[in-house]
Amino acid sequence: MDWHAWLTDPFGLMQQWLFETVVQPVMFAAGMGNLLEDGFDATGWLLVGLLEIIVMLAIFAPLQRWRPVEPVQDRRAVRVDVIYTLVHRLGLFRVGIFFVLQPLFDMVLGHVRAAGWGTMQLDALWPGVTDQPWITFLLYLVVLDFVEYLIHRGQHTIDWWWRLHALHHSQRQMTMWSDARNHLLDDIIHSTIVVVVAQLIGVPPGQFVVLVALTQLSQSLQHANLRLHFGRVGERLWVSPRFHRLHHAIGVGHEEVGRPGVLGGCNFGVLLPWWDMLLRTANFDLRYLPTGVRDQVEPDAHGRLRDYGRGFWSQQWLGLRRLLGRA
C-alpha cells in the first residue's frame, strides 16, 4: 500500500461513518437532501478540523504548559479565540462560504477559463512527477506558500486590508487558539485567493485538504504561548513559534523599522521562511517580545487608545468600522 492510500483510506472510512451517522440525518431533517454530495465534502472538512483540535489539545497544550513565554492573564481573550477556532475548524465558516460565495467562485473561474486560462496542471510541467505523490505535494506546498506570503504581506502593507487584519494582531495574550482570530471579511478575501489559485494550478482535492490541514496545524503551533525555536538551521527551514511571535511583536511585526505607524513589518512567511529571506523581510532575532498593536498601548494625539473589542461580535463590528475609517 502506498503512502497516499495509507493516509486516505482510514480517513475515508471515518468520513463515511461520520456522514452517515451524524450529517446525513441532520440534512434530511433540514430538507437539504439535494445537497448530500456537498454535505459529504463538508463532512471531510469537519473531520479534518476535529483531528486538528485533538492534536492541539494532546500535543500543543502540554507544550504551552511546559515552556510558556508568559503567564496567561487574560483568559477571557483566550476563550474568544477558542470560539474563532471552533467556527473555522468545525466547518461553520466553510459552510457560510459555500452558501454565500460558491456561485461567485463558479462565475469567476468560469470567466477565467473562458478567457483561455484553464487549469494549468502545474505538476505536468515537470515530466515524470505525476507518479510521485510526495513530489507533487511538495511542489504545490511551495507554490501555495509563496501565494500565502504575498497575501500576508498585502495584509500588512495595503491600508484598508490592514484595518481588517489588525484584529488578528490585537491579541496580546497569544496562544495556540490565536491563529483563527481574524475578521470574517479578511478570511473571505484570503480564502477566495487561495481557492482560485489552487484551482488554476490544478491542486488535486485530496492534496488540497492535506495542505490546508498542515498549514492550519503549523499556524496553531506558531501562535502558541511557547518558548521554542528550531535552531540556526531549522529556523530557516520552517516557521517556528519564535519566528512568528516576532511578527506579532508590538512595533516590530507590523511597522517599518524605525518608522512608527508606517505599515510594513517582518516575518510574513506562513510555513516557509524562505520568502522572507529572499525578499529581505526576515528577522531572526532570538527574542520573545510582548504582542499586540502599537495603538492599543500608546495613546493618540487625543489621549485615546484604540478599542479592538472584547467579544467575537464586537471585534467583527469594530473591524468594519475601522475599514470605513470610523473607529
Protein backbone atom coordinates (compact mmCIF):
# COMPACT_ATOMS: atom_id res chain seq x y z
CA MET A 1 0.00 0.00 0.00
CA ASP A 2 1.46 3.40 -0.96
CA TRP A 3 1.57 6.37 1.43
CA HIS A 4 -1.39 8.06 -0.23
CA ALA A 5 -3.69 5.09 0.27
CA TRP A 6 -2.35 4.54 3.80
CA LEU A 7 -3.34 8.10 4.62
CA THR A 8 -6.61 8.46 2.72
CA ASP A 9 -8.27 5.08 3.24
CA PRO A 10 -8.73 5.34 7.05
CA PHE A 11 -9.78 8.98 6.64
CA GLY A 12 -12.36 7.99 4.01
CA LEU A 13 -13.83 5.34 6.29
CA MET A 14 -14.13 7.82 9.16
CA GLN A 15 -15.65 10.42 6.85
CA GLN A 16 -18.22 7.92 5.59
CA TRP A 17 -19.15 6.87 9.13
CA LEU A 18 -19.48 10.47 10.37
CA PHE A 19 -21.57 11.44 7.35
CA GLU A 20 -23.97 8.51 7.58
CA THR A 21 -24.27 8.65 11.36
CA VAL A 22 -24.49 12.39 12.02
CA VAL A 23 -24.51 14.68 8.99
CA GLN A 24 -26.87 12.89 6.60
CA PRO A 25 -29.73 12.51 9.12
CA VAL A 26 -29.43 16.20 10.01
CA MET A 27 -29.50 17.20 6.35
CA PHE A 28 -32.59 15.11 5.64
CA ALA A 29 -34.32 16.58 8.70
CA ALA A 30 -33.48 20.08 7.45
CA GLY A 31 -34.82 19.38 3.95
CA MET A 32 -31.37 19.50 2.36
CA GLY A 33 -31.42 16.10 0.71
CA ASN A 34 -30.50 17.71 -2.62
CA LEU A 35 -27.13 18.77 -1.18
CA LEU A 36 -25.92 15.39 0.08
CA GLU A 37 -22.80 15.39 -2.12
CA ASP A 38 -21.79 18.80 -0.79
CA GLY A 39 -22.63 17.60 2.70
CA PHE A 40 -20.26 14.67 2.29
CA ASP A 41 -17.46 17.06 1.26
CA ALA A 42 -18.26 19.29 4.24
CA THR A 43 -18.03 16.22 6.50
CA GLY A 44 -14.44 15.78 5.33
CA TRP A 45 -13.56 19.31 6.43
CA LEU A 46 -15.38 18.74 9.74
CA LEU A 47 -13.31 15.60 10.34
CA VAL A 48 -10.09 17.43 9.47
CA GLY A 49 -10.98 20.14 11.99
CA LEU A 50 -11.77 17.61 14.71
CA LEU A 51 -8.44 15.86 14.16
CA GLU A 52 -6.62 19.21 14.30
CA ILE A 53 -8.27 20.10 17.61
CA ILE A 54 -7.30 16.70 19.02
CA VAL A 55 -3.65 17.32 18.05
CA MET A 56 -3.79 20.81 19.57
CA LEU A 57 -5.16 19.54 22.88
CA ALA A 58 -2.95 16.45 23.03
CA ILE A 59 0.37 17.98 21.94
CA PHE A 60 0.36 21.78 21.71
CA ALA A 61 -1.44 22.42 25.01
CA PRO A 62 1.10 20.41 27.07
CA LEU A 63 3.94 22.19 25.25
CA GLN A 64 2.46 25.55 26.26
CA ARG A 65 2.33 24.47 29.89
CA TRP A 66 5.90 23.14 29.67
CA ARG A 67 7.63 26.24 28.27
CA PRO A 68 5.28 29.26 28.23
CA VAL A 69 6.55 32.62 27.05
CA GLU A 70 4.36 34.38 29.61
CA PRO A 71 1.69 33.50 32.19
CA VAL A 72 -1.90 33.59 30.89
CA GLN A 73 -3.50 36.67 32.44
CA ASP A 74 -6.47 37.35 30.17
CA ARG A 75 -8.39 34.08 29.96
CA ARG A 76 -11.46 35.78 28.52
CA ALA A 77 -9.46 36.84 25.46
CA VAL A 78 -8.28 33.26 25.04
CA ARG A 79 -11.86 31.95 25.27
CA VAL A 80 -12.88 34.27 22.43
CA ASP A 81 -10.03 32.84 20.35
CA VAL A 82 -11.39 29.36 21.08
CA ILE A 83 -14.70 30.47 19.53
CA TYR A 84 -12.88 31.63 16.39
CA THR A 85 -11.09 28.28 16.20
CA LEU A 86 -14.28 26.26 16.55
CA VAL A 87 -16.05 28.38 13.90
CA HIS A 88 -13.23 27.72 11.43
CA ARG A 89 -12.09 24.22 12.28
CA LEU A 90 -15.58 22.70 12.60
CA GLY A 91 -16.62 23.95 9.18
CA LEU A 92 -19.09 26.71 10.07
CA PHE A 93 -17.05 29.29 8.15
CA ARG A 94 -16.75 26.99 5.12
CA VAL A 95 -20.48 26.27 5.15
CA GLY A 96 -21.13 30.00 5.14
CA ILE A 97 -18.74 30.50 2.23
CA PHE A 98 -20.43 27.67 0.33
CA PHE A 99 -23.91 29.17 0.53
CA VAL A 100 -22.84 32.79 0.06
CA LEU A 101 -19.81 32.71 -2.22
CA GLN A 102 -19.80 29.41 -4.15
CA PRO A 103 -21.82 30.94 -7.03
CA LEU A 104 -19.26 33.77 -7.14
CA PHE A 105 -16.35 31.29 -7.21
CA ASP A 106 -18.02 29.40 -10.07
CA MET A 107 -18.62 32.62 -12.03
CA VAL A 108 -15.04 33.90 -11.58
CA LEU A 109 -13.49 30.55 -12.54
CA GLY A 110 -15.86 30.29 -15.50
CA HIS A 111 -14.77 33.69 -16.84
CA VAL A 112 -11.10 32.90 -16.24
CA ARG A 113 -11.30 29.60 -18.10
CA ALA A 114 -13.39 31.13 -20.88
CA ALA A 115 -10.55 33.63 -21.38
CA GLY A 116 -8.18 30.74 -22.01
CA TRP A 117 -6.71 30.39 -18.52
CA GLY A 118 -7.69 26.80 -17.91
CA THR A 119 -6.32 24.64 -15.15
CA MET A 120 -2.55 24.65 -15.60
CA GLN A 121 -1.78 21.23 -14.00
CA LEU A 122 1.44 22.55 -12.55
CA ASP A 123 2.82 19.07 -11.89
CA ALA A 124 2.61 18.31 -15.63
CA LEU A 125 5.33 20.89 -16.25
CA TRP A 126 7.79 18.50 -14.60
CA PRO A 127 7.72 15.23 -16.60
CA GLY A 128 7.52 12.10 -14.51
CA VAL A 129 6.46 13.62 -11.17
CA THR A 130 2.76 12.86 -11.59
CA ASP A 131 3.56 9.30 -10.48
CA GLN A 132 5.32 10.61 -7.35
CA PRO A 133 2.63 11.99 -4.98
CA TRP A 134 5.19 13.23 -2.44
CA ILE A 135 6.94 15.35 -5.06
CA THR A 136 3.72 16.85 -6.40
CA PHE A 137 2.56 17.53 -2.85
CA LEU A 138 5.78 19.40 -2.02
CA LEU A 139 5.59 21.30 -5.31
CA TYR A 140 2.08 22.55 -4.57
CA LEU A 141 3.05 23.30 -0.96
CA VAL A 142 5.89 25.58 -2.07
CA VAL A 143 3.80 27.40 -4.68
CA LEU A 144 0.80 27.95 -2.41
CA ASP A 145 3.04 29.03 0.45
CA PHE A 146 4.50 31.75 -1.77
CA VAL A 147 0.95 32.87 -2.54
CA GLU A 148 0.27 32.89 1.22
CA TYR A 149 3.37 35.05 1.75
CA LEU A 150 2.15 37.58 -0.83
CA ILE A 151 -1.32 37.65 0.73
CA HIS A 152 0.11 38.13 4.21
CA ARG A 153 2.42 40.90 3.09
CA GLY A 154 -0.52 42.59 1.36
CA GLN A 155 -2.49 42.43 4.61
CA HIS A 156 0.30 44.44 6.23
CA THR A 157 1.07 46.97 3.51
CA ILE A 158 -2.33 47.80 1.97
CA ASP A 159 -4.04 50.25 4.30
CA TRP A 160 -7.66 49.09 4.01
CA TRP A 161 -6.61 45.43 4.29
CA TRP A 162 -4.53 46.14 7.41
CA ARG A 163 -7.60 47.72 9.04
CA LEU A 164 -9.21 44.28 8.90
CA HIS A 165 -6.10 42.23 9.58
CA ALA A 166 -5.19 44.33 12.63
CA LEU A 167 -7.80 42.34 14.57
CA HIS A 168 -5.56 39.29 14.28
CA HIS A 169 -2.65 41.26 15.73
CA SER A 170 -4.66 42.82 18.54
CA GLN A 171 -4.40 39.65 20.66
CA ARG A 172 -1.99 40.49 23.48
CA GLN A 173 -2.29 37.02 25.00
CA MET A 174 -1.21 34.72 22.18
CA THR A 175 -1.95 31.01 22.46
CA MET A 176 -2.41 28.04 20.14
CA TRP A 177 -6.00 29.26 19.60
CA SER A 178 -4.97 32.67 18.19
CA ASP A 179 -4.39 31.61 14.58
CA ALA A 180 -8.09 31.71 13.66
CA ARG A 181 -8.69 35.14 15.27
CA ASN A 182 -9.46 37.03 12.07
CA HIS A 183 -12.11 39.31 10.71
CA LEU A 184 -14.54 37.24 8.67
CA LEU A 185 -14.21 39.57 5.68
CA ASP A 186 -10.42 39.20 5.86
CA ASP A 187 -10.86 35.42 5.89
CA ILE A 188 -13.19 35.54 2.90
CA ILE A 189 -10.70 37.55 0.83
CA HIS A 190 -7.84 35.27 1.83
CA SER A 191 -9.79 32.04 1.18
CA THR A 192 -11.02 33.29 -2.20
CA ILE A 193 -7.49 33.98 -3.44
CA VAL A 194 -6.12 30.63 -2.22
CA VAL A 195 -9.01 28.57 -3.63
CA VAL A 196 -8.88 30.27 -7.03
CA VAL A 197 -5.09 29.83 -7.31
CA ALA A 198 -5.33 26.18 -6.20
CA GLN A 199 -7.98 25.56 -8.85
CA LEU A 200 -5.97 27.27 -11.57
CA ILE A 201 -2.74 25.34 -10.93
CA GLY A 202 -4.58 22.03 -10.62
CA VAL A 203 -4.11 21.03 -6.98
CA PRO A 204 -5.93 17.69 -6.52
CA PRO A 205 -8.77 17.93 -3.95
CA GLY A 206 -7.21 15.29 -1.68
CA GLN A 207 -3.86 17.06 -1.61
CA PHE A 208 -5.55 20.42 -1.06
CA VAL A 209 -7.23 19.09 2.09
CA VAL A 210 -3.88 17.83 3.43
CA LEU A 211 -2.18 21.13 2.56
CA VAL A 212 -4.83 23.13 4.40
CA ALA A 213 -4.69 20.83 7.44
CA LEU A 214 -0.88 21.00 7.57
CA THR A 215 -0.93 24.78 7.23
CA GLN A 216 -3.54 25.23 9.95
CA LEU A 217 -1.77 22.93 12.40
CA SER A 218 1.56 24.63 11.78
CA GLN A 219 -0.01 28.04 12.32
CA SER A 220 -1.61 26.90 15.57
CA LEU A 221 1.84 25.87 16.80
CA GLN A 222 3.36 29.16 15.59
CA HIS A 223 0.87 31.16 17.66
CA ALA A 224 1.28 29.02 20.78
CA ASN A 225 2.39 30.58 24.05
CA LEU A 226 5.57 28.57 23.66
CA ARG A 227 9.21 29.49 24.10
CA LEU A 228 10.54 27.45 21.20
CA HIS A 229 12.81 27.96 18.23
CA PHE A 230 14.21 25.42 15.79
CA GLY A 231 17.91 26.27 15.95
CA ARG A 232 20.10 28.11 13.46
CA VAL A 233 19.31 25.74 10.57
CA GLY A 234 15.74 24.76 11.46
CA GLU A 235 14.67 28.40 11.80
CA ARG A 236 15.48 28.83 8.12
CA LEU A 237 13.59 25.73 7.01
CA TRP A 238 10.22 26.10 8.76
CA VAL A 239 8.45 28.94 10.58
CA SER A 240 8.81 28.49 14.34
CA PRO A 241 6.83 29.96 17.27
CA ARG A 242 9.78 32.29 17.93
CA PHE A 243 9.92 33.49 14.32
CA HIS A 244 6.18 34.15 14.15
CA ARG A 245 5.88 35.72 17.60
CA LEU A 246 8.31 38.42 16.48
CA HIS A 247 5.89 39.09 13.62
CA HIS A 248 3.24 39.80 16.29
CA ALA A 249 5.54 41.93 18.45
CA ILE A 250 4.35 45.48 19.14
CA GLY A 251 6.06 47.93 16.80
CA VAL A 252 8.13 45.20 15.12
CA GLY A 253 5.95 42.87 13.10
CA HIS A 254 3.54 45.40 11.59
CA GLU A 255 5.64 48.56 11.11
CA GLU A 256 8.73 49.53 9.14
CA VAL A 257 11.91 49.56 11.20
CA GLY A 258 12.39 52.97 12.81
CA ARG A 259 9.15 54.38 11.36
CA PRO A 260 6.34 54.01 13.93
CA GLY A 261 2.89 53.89 12.35
CA VAL A 262 4.19 53.19 8.83
CA LEU A 263 2.84 49.86 7.59
CA GLY A 264 5.38 47.15 6.92
CA GLY A 265 6.92 44.59 9.26
CA CYS A 266 8.76 41.31 9.09
CA ASN A 267 8.37 37.52 9.11
CA PHE A 268 5.35 37.20 6.82
CA GLY A 269 6.09 33.56 5.93
CA VAL A 270 3.27 31.14 6.71
CA LEU A 271 5.12 27.82 6.53
CA LEU A 272 8.48 28.57 4.94
CA PRO A 273 10.75 31.47 5.99
CA TRP A 274 12.42 31.26 2.58
CA TRP A 275 10.34 34.06 1.07
CA ASP A 276 11.22 36.43 3.93
CA MET A 277 14.89 35.58 3.41
CA LEU A 278 14.71 36.10 -0.36
CA LEU A 279 12.73 39.34 -0.15
CA ARG A 280 14.59 40.74 2.88
CA THR A 281 11.73 40.73 5.36
CA ALA A 282 13.19 38.11 7.72
CA ASN A 283 14.09 38.86 11.33
CA PHE A 284 15.85 36.01 13.15
CA ASP A 285 16.44 37.84 16.44
CA LEU A 286 16.10 35.40 19.32
CA ARG A 287 13.58 37.49 21.28
CA TYR A 288 10.14 36.89 22.76
CA LEU A 289 8.50 40.32 22.90
CA PRO A 290 5.02 41.47 24.04
CA THR A 291 2.43 41.11 21.27
CA GLY A 292 -0.28 43.46 20.04
CA VAL A 293 -0.70 46.66 18.02
CA ARG A 294 1.01 49.91 18.98
CA ASP A 295 -2.23 51.92 19.12
CA GLN A 296 -3.51 49.59 21.85
CA VAL A 297 -0.78 50.69 24.25
CA GLU A 298 0.26 54.18 23.08
CA PRO A 299 -2.42 56.93 23.14
CA ASP A 300 -3.05 59.01 20.03
CA ALA A 301 -2.88 62.81 19.91
CA HIS A 302 -6.20 62.96 21.78
CA GLY A 303 -5.02 60.60 24.52
CA ARG A 304 -7.14 57.68 23.28
CA LEU A 305 -6.26 54.03 22.87
CA ARG A 306 -7.84 52.04 20.03
CA ASP A 307 -10.51 49.55 21.06
CA TYR A 308 -10.44 46.26 19.15
CA GLY A 309 -13.33 44.73 21.10
CA ARG A 310 -13.55 42.06 23.76
CA GLY A 311 -16.09 39.66 22.25
CA PHE A 312 -16.48 37.96 18.88
CA TRP A 313 -19.21 40.21 17.51
CA SER A 314 -17.80 43.45 18.92
CA GLN A 315 -14.47 42.63 17.24
CA GLN A 316 -16.21 41.99 13.92
CA TRP A 317 -18.23 45.22 14.19
CA LEU A 318 -15.25 47.37 15.12
CA GLY A 319 -13.32 45.83 12.23
CA LEU A 320 -15.95 47.06 9.79
CA ARG A 321 -15.87 50.50 11.41
CA ARG A 322 -12.07 50.63 11.05
CA LEU A 323 -12.43 49.63 7.40
CA LEU A 324 -14.73 52.62 6.90
CA GLY A 325 -12.45 54.92 8.88
CA ARG A 326 -14.88 55.32 11.77
CA ALA A 327 -13.04 53.53 14.58
